[in-house]
Amino acid sequence: MRRIYHLLQQAERPLFLHVNIRWHRSALNGLFLALSIIGGAVFSLTFSLLSRIYFGLHYPSDTLAGAMLGSSTAMLVGLWI
């Protein structure tokens, strides 16, 4: 009798519940990883650009043009791939 009761309880639960929880967890981990990589890249690029302006190696317009050229090239390569 206990075994039948136990099987009926398990049958009422959705079978996909544990799959969805794992899927959401892995999706969130991927999102946080991507955001941390992008945030680190933005921080390092901003620091690099500001330091070049501060030490007088480049004019602000040069660094802005380089950043725009680099980001547009990256977007075009991303669309091409």
N, C-alpha and C. Protein backbone atom coordinates (compact mmCIF):
# COMPACT_ATOMS: atom_id res chain seq x y z
N MET A 1 0.82 -1.19 0.00
CA MET A 1 0.00 0.00 0.00
C MET A 1 0.87 1.26 0.00
N ARG A 2 1.93 1.27 0.79
CA ARG A 2 2.82 2.43 0.83
C ARG A 2 3.45 2.70 -0.53
N ARG A 3 3.81 1.61 -1.19
CA ARG A 3 4.47 1.76 -2.48
C ARG A 3 3.52 2.41 -3.50
N ILE A 4 2.27 2.00 -3.51
CA ILE A 4 1.30 2.59 -4.43
C ILE A 4 1.08 4.06 -4.11
N TYR A 5 0.96 4.38 -2.83
CA TYR A 5 0.79 5.78 -2.42
C TYR A 5 1.99 6.62 -2.85
N HIS A 6 3.17 6.09 -2.68
CA HIS A 6 4.39 6.79 -3.07
C HIS A 6 4.43 7.00 -4.59
N LEU A 7 4.06 6.01 -5.35
CA LEU A 7 4.04 6.15 -6.81
C LEU A 7 3.00 7.17 -7.26
N LEU A 8 1.86 7.22 -6.59
CA LEU A 8 0.84 8.21 -6.94
C LEU A 8 1.31 9.63 -6.63
N GLN A 9 2.02 9.81 -5.54
CA GLN A 9 2.54 11.13 -5.20
C GLN A 9 3.55 11.58 -6.24
N GLN A 10 4.41 10.69 -6.67
CA GLN A 10 5.41 11.06 -7.67
C GLN A 10 4.77 11.34 -9.02
N ALA A 11 3.69 10.66 -9.35
CA ALA A 11 3.03 10.85 -10.63
C ALA A 11 2.35 12.22 -10.71
N GLU A 12 1.96 12.78 -9.57
CA GLU A 12 1.30 14.08 -9.58
C GLU A 12 2.29 15.22 -9.78
N ARG A 13 3.56 15.01 -9.50
CA ARG A 13 4.56 16.05 -9.69
C ARG A 13 4.89 16.17 -11.16
N PRO A 14 5.15 17.37 -11.63
CA PRO A 14 5.59 17.49 -13.03
C PRO A 14 6.99 16.90 -13.18
N LEU A 15 7.16 16.12 -14.21
CA LEU A 15 8.45 15.45 -14.41
C LEU A 15 9.52 16.40 -14.92
N PHE A 16 9.13 17.53 -15.50
CA PHE A 16 10.09 18.47 -16.08
C PHE A 16 10.59 19.50 -15.08
N LEU A 17 10.13 19.45 -13.85
CA LEU A 17 10.46 20.49 -12.87
C LEU A 17 11.96 20.57 -12.61
N HIS A 18 12.63 19.46 -12.38
CA HIS A 18 14.05 19.50 -12.09
C HIS A 18 14.86 19.92 -13.32
N VAL A 19 14.38 19.62 -14.51
CA VAL A 19 15.09 20.02 -15.73
C VAL A 19 15.04 21.52 -15.90
N ASN A 20 13.86 22.12 -15.65
CA ASN A 20 13.74 23.57 -15.79
C ASN A 20 14.60 24.31 -14.77
N ILE A 21 14.66 23.81 -13.55
CA ILE A 21 15.48 24.48 -12.54
C ILE A 21 16.94 24.45 -12.96
N ARG A 22 17.41 23.32 -13.44
CA ARG A 22 18.80 23.24 -13.88
C ARG A 22 19.04 24.12 -15.09
N TRP A 23 18.08 24.18 -16.01
CA TRP A 23 18.24 24.99 -17.20
C TRP A 23 18.32 26.47 -16.84
N HIS A 24 17.44 26.93 -15.94
CA HIS A 24 17.46 28.33 -15.53
C HIS A 24 18.76 28.67 -14.81
N ARG A 25 19.23 27.74 -13.98
CA ARG A 25 20.46 27.99 -13.25
C ARG A 25 21.64 28.12 -14.21
N SER A 26 21.72 27.26 -15.19
CA SER A 26 22.83 27.32 -16.14
C SER A 26 22.71 28.56 -17.02
N ALA A 27 21.48 28.96 -17.36
CA ALA A 27 21.30 30.17 -18.15
C ALA A 27 21.74 31.40 -17.37
N LEU A 28 21.40 31.45 -16.08
CA LEU A 28 21.83 32.59 -15.26
C LEU A 28 23.34 32.60 -15.07
N ASN A 29 23.93 31.43 -14.89
CA ASN A 29 25.38 31.39 -14.77
C ASN A 29 26.05 31.88 -16.04
N GLY A 30 25.52 31.50 -17.19
CA GLY A 30 26.07 31.98 -18.45
C GLY A 30 25.90 33.48 -18.61
N LEU A 31 24.75 34.00 -18.18
CA LEU A 31 24.52 35.43 -18.27
C LEU A 31 25.47 36.20 -17.37
N PHE A 32 25.65 35.75 -16.13
CA PHE A 32 26.56 36.44 -15.22
C PHE A 32 28.00 36.35 -15.70
N LEU A 33 28.38 35.23 -16.29
CA LEU A 33 29.73 35.10 -16.84
C LEU A 33 29.93 36.08 -17.98
N ALA A 34 28.96 36.17 -18.87
CA ALA A 34 29.07 37.10 -20.00
C ALA A 34 29.13 38.54 -19.52
N LEU A 35 28.29 38.88 -18.54
CA LEU A 35 28.30 40.25 -18.02
C LEU A 35 29.61 40.58 -17.31
N SER A 36 30.19 39.62 -16.61
CA SER A 36 31.45 39.90 -15.93
C SER A 36 32.58 40.05 -16.94
N ILE A 37 32.56 39.28 -18.01
CA ILE A 37 33.59 39.42 -19.05
C ILE A 37 33.45 40.76 -19.75
N ILE A 38 32.21 41.13 -20.09
CA ILE A 38 31.99 42.41 -20.76
C ILE A 38 32.33 43.56 -19.83
N GLY A 39 31.96 43.46 -18.56
CA GLY A 39 32.28 44.52 -17.59
C GLY A 39 33.78 44.67 -17.41
N GLY A 40 34.50 43.57 -17.34
CA GLY A 40 35.96 43.64 -17.23
C GLY A 40 36.60 44.25 -18.46
N ALA A 41 36.07 43.92 -19.63
CA ALA A 41 36.61 44.48 -20.87
C ALA A 41 36.34 45.99 -20.94
N VAL A 42 35.15 46.40 -20.56
CA VAL A 42 34.83 47.83 -20.59
C VAL A 42 35.70 48.59 -19.59
N PHE A 43 35.90 48.03 -18.41
CA PHE A 43 36.75 48.68 -17.41
C PHE A 43 38.18 48.83 -17.91
N SER A 44 38.74 47.76 -18.47
CA SER A 44 40.13 47.82 -18.92
C SER A 44 40.29 48.76 -20.11
N LEU A 45 39.32 48.76 -21.02
CA LEU A 45 39.41 49.67 -22.16
C LEU A 45 39.28 51.13 -21.72
N THR A 46 38.38 51.40 -20.80
CA THR A 46 38.22 52.77 -20.31
C THR A 46 39.49 53.23 -19.59
N PHE A 47 40.05 52.36 -18.78
CA PHE A 47 41.29 52.71 -18.08
C PHE A 47 42.42 52.96 -19.07
N SER A 48 42.51 52.14 -20.09
CA SER A 48 43.55 52.30 -21.10
C SER A 48 43.38 53.62 -21.86
N LEU A 49 42.16 53.93 -22.26
CA LEU A 49 41.92 55.17 -23.00
C LEU A 49 42.22 56.40 -22.14
N LEU A 50 41.76 56.38 -20.89
CA LEU A 50 41.99 57.54 -20.02
C LEU A 50 43.46 57.72 -19.67
N SER A 51 44.17 56.61 -19.52
CA SER A 51 45.59 56.74 -19.20
C SER A 51 46.37 57.29 -20.38
N ARG A 52 46.01 56.94 -21.59
CA ARG A 52 46.70 57.48 -22.77
C ARG A 52 46.46 58.98 -22.91
N ILE A 53 45.25 59.41 -22.58
CA ILE A 53 44.97 60.86 -22.61
C ILE A 53 45.72 61.56 -21.49
N TYR A 54 45.73 60.98 -20.30
CA TYR A 54 46.36 61.59 -19.14
C TYR A 54 47.86 61.77 -19.35
N PHE A 55 48.53 60.76 -19.89
CA PHE A 55 49.97 60.85 -20.08
C PHE A 55 50.36 61.58 -21.35
N GLY A 56 49.41 62.07 -22.10
CA GLY A 56 49.69 62.88 -23.27
C GLY A 56 50.14 62.07 -24.49
N LEU A 57 49.84 60.82 -24.53
CA LEU A 57 50.25 60.01 -25.68
C LEU A 57 49.31 60.20 -26.86
N HIS A 58 48.04 60.47 -26.60
CA HIS A 58 47.05 60.67 -27.66
C HIS A 58 46.11 61.79 -27.28
N TYR A 59 45.52 62.41 -28.30
CA TYR A 59 44.46 63.38 -28.07
C TYR A 59 43.16 62.63 -27.78
N PRO A 60 42.22 63.29 -27.09
CA PRO A 60 40.94 62.62 -26.82
C PRO A 60 40.20 62.19 -28.09
N SER A 61 40.30 63.00 -29.14
CA SER A 61 39.62 62.63 -30.38
C SER A 61 40.23 61.37 -31.00
N ASP A 62 41.55 61.18 -30.85
CA ASP A 62 42.19 59.98 -31.37
C ASP A 62 41.68 58.73 -30.66
N THR A 63 41.59 58.81 -29.36
CA THR A 63 41.14 57.62 -28.61
C THR A 63 39.66 57.34 -28.89
N LEU A 64 38.86 58.39 -29.02
CA LEU A 64 37.44 58.20 -29.33
C LEU A 64 37.26 57.58 -30.71
N ALA A 65 38.02 58.08 -31.68
CA ALA A 65 37.94 57.52 -33.03
C ALA A 65 38.41 56.07 -33.05
N GLY A 66 39.45 55.75 -32.32
CA GLY A 66 39.93 54.38 -32.25
C GLY A 66 38.92 53.45 -31.59
N ALA A 67 38.26 53.94 -30.55
CA ALA A 67 37.25 53.13 -29.87
C ALA A 67 36.06 52.88 -30.79
N MET A 68 35.65 53.91 -31.53
CA MET A 68 34.54 53.75 -32.45
C MET A 68 34.90 52.81 -33.60
N LEU A 69 36.11 52.93 -34.13
CA LEU A 69 36.55 52.05 -35.21
C LEU A 69 36.65 50.61 -34.72
N GLY A 70 37.19 50.41 -33.54
CA GLY A 70 37.32 49.06 -33.00
C GLY A 70 35.99 48.41 -32.71
N SER A 71 35.06 49.17 -32.14
CA SER A 71 33.75 48.59 -31.81
C SER A 71 32.95 48.31 -33.08
N SER A 72 33.03 49.18 -34.07
CA SER A 72 32.30 48.91 -35.32
C SER A 72 32.90 47.72 -36.05
N THR A 73 34.22 47.58 -36.03
CA THR A 73 34.85 46.41 -36.64
C THR A 73 34.44 45.13 -35.92
N ALA A 74 34.40 45.16 -34.61
CA ALA A 74 33.98 43.99 -33.85
C ALA A 74 32.53 43.62 -34.15
N MET A 75 31.67 44.60 -34.29
CA MET A 75 30.27 44.31 -34.62
C MET A 75 30.15 43.71 -36.01
N LEU A 76 30.90 44.24 -36.98
CA LEU A 76 30.84 43.70 -38.33
C LEU A 76 31.38 42.27 -38.38
N VAL A 77 32.46 42.01 -37.67
CA VAL A 77 33.00 40.65 -37.63
C VAL A 77 32.01 39.72 -36.93
N GLY A 78 31.36 40.19 -35.88
CA GLY A 78 30.36 39.38 -35.19
C GLY A 78 29.16 39.06 -36.08
N LEU A 79 28.75 40.00 -36.92
CA LEU A 79 27.65 39.74 -37.84
C LEU A 79 28.09 38.80 -38.96
N TRP A 80 29.33 38.90 -39.37
CA TRP A 80 29.84 38.08 -40.47
C TRP A 80 30.00 36.63 -40.04
N ILE A 81 30.41 36.43 -38.79
CA ILE A 81 30.62 35.06 -38.30
C ILE A 81 29.29 34.50 -37.96
